[in-house]
Amino acid sequence: MSDKHAKYKSKYTADRMIPGAFEGETITRRRFMTGSAHSAGAIAAGAFTLPALGFAVGPIFKSTPHSWETVGTVGSFPKTTTSP
């Protein structure tokens, strides 16, 4: 069984006898379109993922202000109806 990577393959499509290849062409139309489709998919996935990630992680970096409010003195609340 021969190793298919053992032979040197030319980077030019015309040397590989690909139908419709032009002289000096280094990438096939199929490979170009596949790369374009994968790139478009990655951009679309990023367009959905990055805003969702920012929405989920954003509140971690924002501190909320804390303040105390006076509602009365301790003596003004009866022990039987007050809960902590």
C-alpha atoms as a PDB file:
ATOM      1  CA  MET A   1       0.000   0.000   0.000  1.00  0.00           C
ATOM      2  CA  SER A   2       1.584   3.263  -1.107  1.00  0.00           C
ATOM      3  CA  ASP A   3       1.486   6.451   0.877  1.00  0.00           C
ATOM      4  CA  LYS A   4      -0.393   9.116  -1.068  1.00  0.00           C
ATOM      5  CA  HIS A   5       1.610  11.872   0.635  1.00  0.00           C
ATOM      6  CA  ALA A   6       4.948  10.397  -0.401  1.00  0.00           C
ATOM      7  CA  LYS A   7       4.775  11.891  -3.898  1.00  0.00           C
ATOM      8  CA  TYR A   8       5.331  15.574  -4.435  1.00  0.00           C
ATOM      9  CA  LYS A   9       2.212  17.315  -5.660  1.00  0.00           C
ATOM     10  CA  SER A  10       2.418  20.552  -7.561  1.00  0.00           C
ATOM     11  CA  LYS A  11       0.579  23.490  -6.045  1.00  0.00           C
ATOM     12  CA  TYR A  12      -0.688  24.467  -9.481  1.00  0.00           C
ATOM     13  CA  THR A  13      -4.069  23.131 -10.547  1.00  0.00           C
ATOM     14  CA  ALA A  14      -3.095  22.811 -14.208  1.00  0.00           C
ATOM     15  CA  ASP A  15      -0.240  20.451 -13.265  1.00  0.00           C
ATOM     16  CA  ARG A  16      -2.726  18.219 -11.441  1.00  0.00           C
ATOM     17  CA  MET A  17      -4.839  17.887 -14.618  1.00  0.00           C
ATOM     18  CA  ILE A  18      -7.900  19.482 -13.001  1.00  0.00           C
ATOM     19  CA  PRO A  19     -10.473  20.226 -15.716  1.00  0.00           C
ATOM     20  CA  GLY A  20     -10.952  23.931 -16.384  1.00  0.00           C
ATOM     21  CA  ALA A  21      -7.780  24.956 -14.533  1.00  0.00           C
ATOM     22  CA  PHE A  22      -5.792  27.914 -15.793  1.00  0.00           C
ATOM     23  CA  GLU A  23      -2.022  28.227 -15.979  1.00  0.00           C
ATOM     24  CA  GLY A  24      -0.622  29.535 -12.694  1.00  0.00           C
ATOM     25  CA  GLU A  25      -3.819  28.913 -10.737  1.00  0.00           C
ATOM     26  CA  THR A  26      -2.993  27.684  -7.214  1.00  0.00           C
ATOM     27  CA  ILE A  27      -6.450  27.207  -5.713  1.00  0.00           C
ATOM     28  CA  THR A  28      -9.490  25.421  -7.105  1.00  0.00           C
ATOM     29  CA  ARG A  29     -12.868  27.083  -7.335  1.00  0.00           C
ATOM     30  CA  ARG A  30     -14.322  24.435  -5.026  1.00  0.00           C
ATOM     31  CA  ARG A  31     -11.698  25.126  -2.356  1.00  0.00           C
ATOM     32  CA  PHE A  32     -12.254  28.882  -2.697  1.00  0.00           C
ATOM     33  CA  MET A  33     -16.041  28.567  -2.346  1.00  0.00           C
ATOM     34  CA  THR A  34     -15.698  26.183   0.596  1.00  0.00           C
ATOM     35  CA  GLY A  35     -13.406  28.645   2.353  1.00  0.00           C
ATOM     36  CA  SER A  36     -15.807  31.502   1.587  1.00  0.00           C
ATOM     37  CA  ALA A  37     -18.777  29.561   2.993  1.00  0.00           C
ATOM     38  CA  HIS A  38     -16.846  28.664   6.148  1.00  0.00           C
ATOM     39  CA  SER A  39     -15.775  32.283   6.598  1.00  0.00           C
ATOM     40  CA  ALA A  40     -19.357  33.521   6.185  1.00  0.00           C
ATOM     41  CA  GLY A  41     -20.521  30.937   8.727  1.00  0.00           C
ATOM     42  CA  ALA A  42     -17.869  32.012  11.209  1.00  0.00           C
ATOM     43  CA  ILE A  43     -18.854  35.672  10.808  1.00  0.00           C
ATOM     44  CA  ALA A  44     -22.539  34.811  11.298  1.00  0.00           C
ATOM     45  CA  ALA A  45     -21.769  32.726  14.392  1.00  0.00           C
ATOM     46  CA  GLY A  46     -19.715  35.588  15.812  1.00  0.00           C
ATOM     47  CA  ALA A  47     -22.529  38.052  15.090  1.00  0.00           C
ATOM     48  CA  PHE A  48     -24.820  35.983  17.320  1.00  0.00           C
ATOM     49  CA  THR A  49     -22.307  34.867  19.943  1.00  0.00           C
ATOM     50  CA  LEU A  50     -20.457  38.078  20.796  1.00  0.00           C
ATOM     51  CA  PRO A  51     -23.518  40.184  21.772  1.00  0.00           C
ATOM     52  CA  ALA A  52     -24.943  37.291  23.796  1.00  0.00           C
ATOM     53  CA  LEU A  53     -21.626  36.829  25.563  1.00  0.00           C
ATOM     54  CA  GLY A  54     -21.395  40.567  26.283  1.00  0.00           C
ATOM     55  CA  PHE A  55     -24.937  40.568  27.660  1.00  0.00           C
ATOM     56  CA  ALA A  56     -24.159  37.598  29.939  1.00  0.00           C
ATOM     57  CA  VAL A  57     -20.742  38.739  31.174  1.00  0.00           C
ATOM     58  CA  GLY A  58     -21.325  42.523  31.280  1.00  0.00           C
ATOM     59  CA  PRO A  59     -23.092  42.691  34.663  1.00  0.00           C
ATOM     60  CA  ILE A  60     -20.101  41.054  36.367  1.00  0.00           C
ATOM     61  CA  PHE A  61     -18.034  44.210  35.838  1.00  0.00           C
ATOM     62  CA  LYS A  62     -20.729  46.674  36.971  1.00  0.00           C
ATOM     63  CA  SER A  63     -21.067  47.353  40.690  1.00  0.00           C
ATOM     64  CA  THR A  64     -24.468  48.246  42.104  1.00  0.00           C
ATOM     65  CA  PRO A  65     -24.647  51.011  44.720  1.00  0.00           C
ATOM     66  CA  HIS A  66     -25.747  49.992  48.218  1.00  0.00           C
ATOM     67  CA  SER A  67     -27.577  52.366  50.506  1.00  0.00           C
ATOM     68  CA  TRP A  68     -29.309  52.153  53.878  1.00  0.00           C
ATOM     69  CA  GLU A  69     -32.766  53.537  54.458  1.00  0.00           C
ATOM     70  CA  THR A  70     -34.107  54.581  57.836  1.00  0.00           C
ATOM     71  CA  VAL A  71     -37.487  53.025  58.634  1.00  0.00           C
ATOM     72  CA  GLY A  72     -37.701  53.831  62.336  1.00  0.00           C
ATOM     73  CA  THR A  73     -36.105  53.211  65.692  1.00  0.00           C
ATOM     74  CA  VAL A  74     -35.775  49.764  67.249  1.00  0.00           C
ATOM     75  CA  GLY A  75     -38.262  50.671  70.003  1.00  0.00           C
ATOM     76  CA  SER A  76     -41.024  51.556  67.497  1.00  0.00           C
ATOM     77  CA  PHE A  77     -41.415  47.944  66.322  1.00  0.00           C
ATOM     78  CA  PRO A  78     -43.205  45.418  68.573  1.00  0.00           C
ATOM     79  CA  LYS A  79     -41.396  42.098  69.081  1.00  0.00           C
ATOM     80  CA  THR A  80     -44.475  39.990  68.209  1.00  0.00           C
ATOM     81  CA  THR A  81     -45.089  41.326  64.671  1.00  0.00           C
ATOM     82  CA  THR A  82     -41.595  42.145  63.484  1.00  0.00           C
ATOM     83  CA  SER A  83     -39.516  39.691  61.491  1.00  0.00           C
ATOM     84  CA  PRO A  84     -35.852  40.179  60.661  1.00  0.00           C
END
